[in-house]
Amino acid sequence: MDLKKSIRNVPDFPKPGVQFKDLTTLWKNPAALRESTDLLHRRYRDQAVDKVVGAEARGFIVGSPLAYLLGAGFVPVRKKGKLPADVVEITYELEYGTDTIAMHRDAVRQGERVLVVDDLLATGGTLQAMVDLVRKLGGEVVEACVLVELVFLKGKEQLNAPLFSLLTYEQE
């Protein structure tokens, strides 16, 4: 199955000149959702993953079914102020400012093997921040994983972890 054919390209969103990769069209297609999840499962099924960490909100869509198939726990990473218990936070740079994400302090234990997932890698800030949170809690990052990597934005260069991208786009 050509998964790229199930991704909608939305021109000029969120601003003029941007070609937005809309993964909701992949997720609403049962065959594409199954295929993308199965491909990731096959990659990680023999890697003894203890936890899958996913970013709000689209990382939840990728990470939850993958954690289930791997027999691993799922850890949500949320925006500041959204988690109810004691958290560890990190503030990171965006294209136009900063953002802060958080994870429960007890979500990852020392030495646990953690797969960090998100839907898309653009500039790399969110993915690297999640890697940093996992390491701050003593987790071992198995790999960072995304469904789509926008190679031309060079986010991989900002990432201090191995990366697996299911699909890549070399140009906008």
C-alpha atoms as a PDB file:
ATOM      1  CA  MET A   1       0.000   0.000   0.000  1.00  0.00           C
ATOM      2  CA  ASP A   2       1.288   3.477  -0.871  1.00  0.00           C
ATOM      3  CA  LEU A   3       0.646   5.272   2.428  1.00  0.00           C
ATOM      4  CA  LYS A   4       1.603   8.656   0.955  1.00  0.00           C
ATOM      5  CA  LYS A   5      -1.485   8.473  -1.251  1.00  0.00           C
ATOM      6  CA  SER A   6      -3.653   8.458   1.864  1.00  0.00           C
ATOM      7  CA  ILE A   7      -2.149  11.725   3.202  1.00  0.00           C
ATOM      8  CA  ARG A   8      -3.929  14.913   2.199  1.00  0.00           C
ATOM      9  CA  ASN A   9      -1.791  17.880   1.164  1.00  0.00           C
ATOM     10  CA  VAL A  10      -3.355  21.176   2.282  1.00  0.00           C
ATOM     11  CA  PRO A  11      -1.801  24.207   0.563  1.00  0.00           C
ATOM     12  CA  ASP A  12      -1.273  27.468   2.440  1.00  0.00           C
ATOM     13  CA  PHE A  13      -2.009  26.053   5.913  1.00  0.00           C
ATOM     14  CA  PRO A  14      -1.363  27.281   8.552  1.00  0.00           C
ATOM     15  CA  LYS A  15       0.162  30.136   6.559  1.00  0.00           C
ATOM     16  CA  PRO A  16       0.756  31.010   2.897  1.00  0.00           C
ATOM     17  CA  GLY A  17       3.445  28.922   1.243  1.00  0.00           C
ATOM     18  CA  VAL A  18       3.179  25.958   3.621  1.00  0.00           C
ATOM     19  CA  GLN A  19       2.058  22.580   2.267  1.00  0.00           C
ATOM     20  CA  PHE A  20       0.471  20.942   5.327  1.00  0.00           C
ATOM     21  CA  LYS A  21       0.610  17.138   5.518  1.00  0.00           C
ATOM     22  CA  ASP A  22      -2.805  16.173   6.910  1.00  0.00           C
ATOM     23  CA  LEU A  23      -2.518  12.714   8.469  1.00  0.00           C
ATOM     24  CA  THR A  24      -6.190  12.593   9.471  1.00  0.00           C
ATOM     25  CA  THR A  25      -6.925  11.185   6.035  1.00  0.00           C
ATOM     26  CA  LEU A  26      -4.478   8.336   6.671  1.00  0.00           C
ATOM     27  CA  TRP A  27      -6.010   7.617  10.090  1.00  0.00           C
ATOM     28  CA  LYS A  28      -9.603   7.577   8.843  1.00  0.00           C
ATOM     29  CA  ASN A  29      -8.658   4.950   6.245  1.00  0.00           C
ATOM     30  CA  PRO A  30      -8.800   1.591   8.105  1.00  0.00           C
ATOM     31  CA  ALA A  31      -6.323  -0.108   5.761  1.00  0.00           C
ATOM     32  CA  ALA A  32      -3.805   2.758   5.951  1.00  0.00           C
ATOM     33  CA  LEU A  33      -4.121   3.020   9.736  1.00  0.00           C
ATOM     34  CA  ARG A  34      -3.592  -0.722  10.091  1.00  0.00           C
ATOM     35  CA  GLU A  35      -0.679  -0.787   7.631  1.00  0.00           C
ATOM     36  CA  SER A  36       1.188   2.128   9.247  1.00  0.00           C
ATOM     37  CA  THR A  37       0.699   0.709  12.751  1.00  0.00           C
ATOM     38  CA  ASP A  38       1.694  -2.800  11.672  1.00  0.00           C
ATOM     39  CA  LEU A  39       4.862  -1.510   9.978  1.00  0.00           C
ATOM     40  CA  LEU A  40       5.935   0.262  13.163  1.00  0.00           C
ATOM     41  CA  HIS A  41       5.042  -2.776  15.257  1.00  0.00           C
ATOM     42  CA  ARG A  42       7.200  -5.021  13.064  1.00  0.00           C
ATOM     43  CA  ARG A  43      10.131  -2.632  13.485  1.00  0.00           C
ATOM     44  CA  TYR A  44       9.976  -2.561  17.293  1.00  0.00           C
ATOM     45  CA  ARG A  45       8.426  -5.889  18.347  1.00  0.00           C
ATOM     46  CA  ASP A  46      11.797  -7.477  19.158  1.00  0.00           C
ATOM     47  CA  GLN A  47      13.344  -4.445  20.881  1.00  0.00           C
ATOM     48  CA  ALA A  48      12.000  -4.948  24.432  1.00  0.00           C
ATOM     49  CA  VAL A  49      10.240  -1.574  24.636  1.00  0.00           C
ATOM     50  CA  ASP A  50       8.883  -0.857  28.135  1.00  0.00           C
ATOM     51  CA  LYS A  51       7.124   2.442  27.391  1.00  0.00           C
ATOM     52  CA  VAL A  52       5.980   4.395  24.371  1.00  0.00           C
ATOM     53  CA  VAL A  53       5.980   8.162  24.888  1.00  0.00           C
ATOM     54  CA  GLY A  54       3.762  10.257  22.604  1.00  0.00           C
ATOM     55  CA  ALA A  55       3.138  13.990  22.296  1.00  0.00           C
ATOM     56  CA  GLU A  56      -0.253  15.633  22.566  1.00  0.00           C
ATOM     57  CA  ALA A  57      -2.369  15.088  20.573  1.00  0.00           C
ATOM     58  CA  ARG A  58      -1.402  13.372  17.346  1.00  0.00           C
ATOM     59  CA  GLY A  59       1.401  11.420  18.995  1.00  0.00           C
ATOM     60  CA  PHE A  60      -1.322   9.800  21.087  1.00  0.00           C
ATOM     61  CA  ILE A  61      -2.890   8.451  17.884  1.00  0.00           C
ATOM     62  CA  VAL A  62       0.375   6.891  16.727  1.00  0.00           C
ATOM     63  CA  GLY A  63       1.685   5.829  20.127  1.00  0.00           C
ATOM     64  CA  SER A  64      -1.305   4.251  21.856  1.00  0.00           C
ATOM     65  CA  PRO A  65      -2.009   1.423  19.401  1.00  0.00           C
ATOM     66  CA  LEU A  66       1.708   0.809  19.007  1.00  0.00           C
ATOM     67  CA  ALA A  67       2.164   0.518  22.785  1.00  0.00           C
ATOM     68  CA  TYR A  68      -0.754  -1.921  22.893  1.00  0.00           C
ATOM     69  CA  LEU A  69       0.756  -4.133  20.190  1.00  0.00           C
ATOM     70  CA  LEU A  70       4.192  -4.021  21.835  1.00  0.00           C
ATOM     71  CA  GLY A  71       2.796  -4.911  25.260  1.00  0.00           C
ATOM     72  CA  ALA A  72       4.271  -1.649  26.548  1.00  0.00           C
ATOM     73  CA  GLY A  73       2.851   1.177  28.611  1.00  0.00           C
ATOM     74  CA  PHE A  74       1.846   4.451  26.994  1.00  0.00           C
ATOM     75  CA  VAL A  75       2.989   7.787  28.440  1.00  0.00           C
ATOM     76  CA  PRO A  76       1.284  11.002  27.308  1.00  0.00           C
ATOM     77  CA  VAL A  77       3.366  14.160  26.989  1.00  0.00           C
ATOM     78  CA  ARG A  78       1.152  17.218  27.343  1.00  0.00           C
ATOM     79  CA  LYS A  79       1.327  20.969  27.269  1.00  0.00           C
ATOM     80  CA  LYS A  80       2.167  22.717  30.532  1.00  0.00           C
ATOM     81  CA  GLY A  81      -0.634  22.651  33.109  1.00  0.00           C
ATOM     82  CA  LYS A  82      -2.574  19.723  31.607  1.00  0.00           C
ATOM     83  CA  LEU A  83      -1.316  16.837  33.768  1.00  0.00           C
ATOM     84  CA  PRO A  84      -2.760  16.427  37.293  1.00  0.00           C
ATOM     85  CA  ALA A  85       0.153  14.968  39.297  1.00  0.00           C
ATOM     86  CA  ASP A  86       3.819  15.854  39.886  1.00  0.00           C
ATOM     87  CA  VAL A  87       5.488  16.564  36.531  1.00  0.00           C
ATOM     88  CA  VAL A  88       8.836  17.134  34.933  1.00  0.00           C
ATOM     89  CA  GLU A  89       8.799  19.930  32.339  1.00  0.00           C
ATOM     90  CA  ILE A  90      10.997  21.224  29.586  1.00  0.00           C
ATOM     91  CA  THR A  91      10.832  24.467  27.644  1.00  0.00           C
ATOM     92  CA  TYR A  92      12.143  24.442  24.097  1.00  0.00           C
ATOM     93  CA  GLU A  93      12.484  26.770  21.133  1.00  0.00           C
ATOM     94  CA  LEU A  94       9.908  27.025  18.378  1.00  0.00           C
ATOM     95  CA  GLU A  95      10.196  28.881  15.108  1.00  0.00           C
ATOM     96  CA  TYR A  96       8.536  31.930  16.717  1.00  0.00           C
ATOM     97  CA  GLY A  97       9.001  31.631  20.481  1.00  0.00           C
ATOM     98  CA  THR A  98       9.011  28.826  23.029  1.00  0.00           C
ATOM     99  CA  ASP A  99       6.751  26.051  24.288  1.00  0.00           C
ATOM    100  CA  THR A 100       6.712  23.908  27.408  1.00  0.00           C
ATOM    101  CA  ILE A 101       5.733  20.257  27.598  1.00  0.00           C
ATOM    102  CA  ALA A 102       5.374  18.009  30.618  1.00  0.00           C
ATOM    103  CA  MET A 103       5.306  14.366  31.618  1.00  0.00           C
ATOM    104  CA  HIS A 104       4.371  12.826  34.943  1.00  0.00           C
ATOM    105  CA  ARG A 105       7.482  12.403  37.071  1.00  0.00           C
ATOM    106  CA  ASP A 106       6.607   8.743  37.749  1.00  0.00           C
ATOM    107  CA  ALA A 107       5.855   7.882  34.095  1.00  0.00           C
ATOM    108  CA  VAL A 108       9.306   6.514  33.243  1.00  0.00           C
ATOM    109  CA  ARG A 109      11.604   4.693  35.659  1.00  0.00           C
ATOM    110  CA  GLN A 110      15.375   4.519  35.663  1.00  0.00           C
ATOM    111  CA  GLY A 111      16.622   2.136  32.966  1.00  0.00           C
ATOM    112  CA  GLU A 112      13.303   1.605  31.182  1.00  0.00           C
ATOM    113  CA  ARG A 113      13.540   1.260  27.416  1.00  0.00           C
ATOM    114  CA  VAL A 114      11.451   3.984  25.820  1.00  0.00           C
ATOM    115  CA  LEU A 115      10.266   4.571  22.272  1.00  0.00           C
ATOM    116  CA  VAL A 116       9.497   8.257  21.615  1.00  0.00           C
ATOM    117  CA  VAL A 117       6.829   8.766  18.926  1.00  0.00           C
ATOM    118  CA  ASP A 118       5.061  11.584  17.142  1.00  0.00           C
ATOM    119  CA  ASP A 119       3.138  11.947  13.939  1.00  0.00           C
ATOM    120  CA  LEU A 120       5.524  14.252  12.080  1.00  0.00           C
ATOM    121  CA  LEU A 121       9.047  15.610  12.331  1.00  0.00           C
ATOM    122  CA  ALA A 122       9.407  19.166  11.067  1.00  0.00           C
ATOM    123  CA  THR A 123      11.999  21.321  12.870  1.00  0.00           C
ATOM    124  CA  GLY A 124      12.620  18.785  15.646  1.00  0.00           C
ATOM    125  CA  GLY A 125      11.920  20.825  18.775  1.00  0.00           C
ATOM    126  CA  THR A 126       9.071  18.765  20.209  1.00  0.00           C
ATOM    127  CA  LEU A 127      10.663  15.404  19.481  1.00  0.00           C
ATOM    128  CA  GLN A 128      13.990  16.429  21.046  1.00  0.00           C
ATOM    129  CA  ALA A 129      12.174  17.861  24.081  1.00  0.00           C
ATOM    130  CA  MET A 130      10.446  14.489  24.587  1.00  0.00           C
ATOM    131  CA  VAL A 131      13.795  12.692  24.307  1.00  0.00           C
ATOM    132  CA  ASP A 132      15.212  15.077  26.928  1.00  0.00           C
ATOM    133  CA  LEU A 133      12.273  14.432  29.285  1.00  0.00           C
ATOM    134  CA  VAL A 134      12.739  10.666  29.034  1.00  0.00           C
ATOM    135  CA  ARG A 135      16.461  10.961  29.731  1.00  0.00           C
ATOM    136  CA  LYS A 136      15.844  13.370  32.613  1.00  0.00           C
ATOM    137  CA  LEU A 137      13.835  10.608  34.291  1.00  0.00           C
ATOM    138  CA  GLY A 138      16.532   8.008  33.622  1.00  0.00           C
ATOM    139  CA  GLY A 139      14.898   6.264  30.684  1.00  0.00           C
ATOM    140  CA  GLU A 140      16.887   4.819  27.798  1.00  0.00           C
ATOM    141  CA  VAL A 141      15.655   6.102  24.433  1.00  0.00           C
ATOM    142  CA  VAL A 142      15.448   3.156  22.050  1.00  0.00           C
ATOM    143  CA  GLU A 143      14.653   5.430  19.111  1.00  0.00           C
ATOM    144  CA  ALA A 144      12.585   8.422  18.099  1.00  0.00           C
ATOM    145  CA  CYS A 145       9.930   7.457  15.580  1.00  0.00           C
ATOM    146  CA  VAL A 146       7.592   9.444  13.320  1.00  0.00           C
ATOM    147  CA  LEU A 147       5.130   8.577  10.608  1.00  0.00           C
ATOM    148  CA  VAL A 148       6.295  11.488   8.436  1.00  0.00           C
ATOM    149  CA  GLU A 149       9.585  13.367   8.260  1.00  0.00           C
ATOM    150  CA  LEU A 150       9.801  16.633   6.353  1.00  0.00           C
ATOM    151  CA  VAL A 151      13.476  16.177   5.444  1.00  0.00           C
ATOM    152  CA  PHE A 152      13.835  19.649   3.910  1.00  0.00           C
ATOM    153  CA  LEU A 153      13.220  21.272   7.331  1.00  0.00           C
ATOM    154  CA  LYS A 154      16.279  19.450   8.752  1.00  0.00           C
ATOM    155  CA  GLY A 155      14.654  18.495  12.050  1.00  0.00           C
ATOM    156  CA  LYS A 156      16.769  15.348  12.213  1.00  0.00           C
ATOM    157  CA  GLU A 157      19.824  17.569  12.658  1.00  0.00           C
ATOM    158  CA  GLN A 158      18.317  18.906  15.916  1.00  0.00           C
ATOM    159  CA  LEU A 159      17.668  15.426  17.270  1.00  0.00           C
ATOM    160  CA  ASN A 160      20.093  13.801  19.704  1.00  0.00           C
ATOM    161  CA  ALA A 161      18.698  10.286  19.272  1.00  0.00           C
ATOM    162  CA  PRO A 162      18.383   7.705  16.502  1.00  0.00           C
ATOM    163  CA  LEU A 163      15.416   8.412  14.243  1.00  0.00           C
ATOM    164  CA  PHE A 164      13.101   6.204  12.224  1.00  0.00           C
ATOM    165  CA  SER A 165      10.711   7.819   9.755  1.00  0.00           C
ATOM    166  CA  LEU A 166       8.091   5.647   8.106  1.00  0.00           C
ATOM    167  CA  LEU A 167       7.589   8.168   5.281  1.00  0.00           C
ATOM    168  CA  THR A 168       9.775  11.045   4.117  1.00  0.00           C
ATOM    169  CA  TYR A 169       9.189  14.113   1.998  1.00  0.00           C
ATOM    170  CA  GLU A 170      12.356  15.547   0.490  1.00  0.00           C
ATOM    171  CA  GLN A 171      10.779  18.837  -0.575  1.00  0.00           C
ATOM    172  CA  GLU A 172       7.652  20.859   0.198  1.00  0.00           C
END
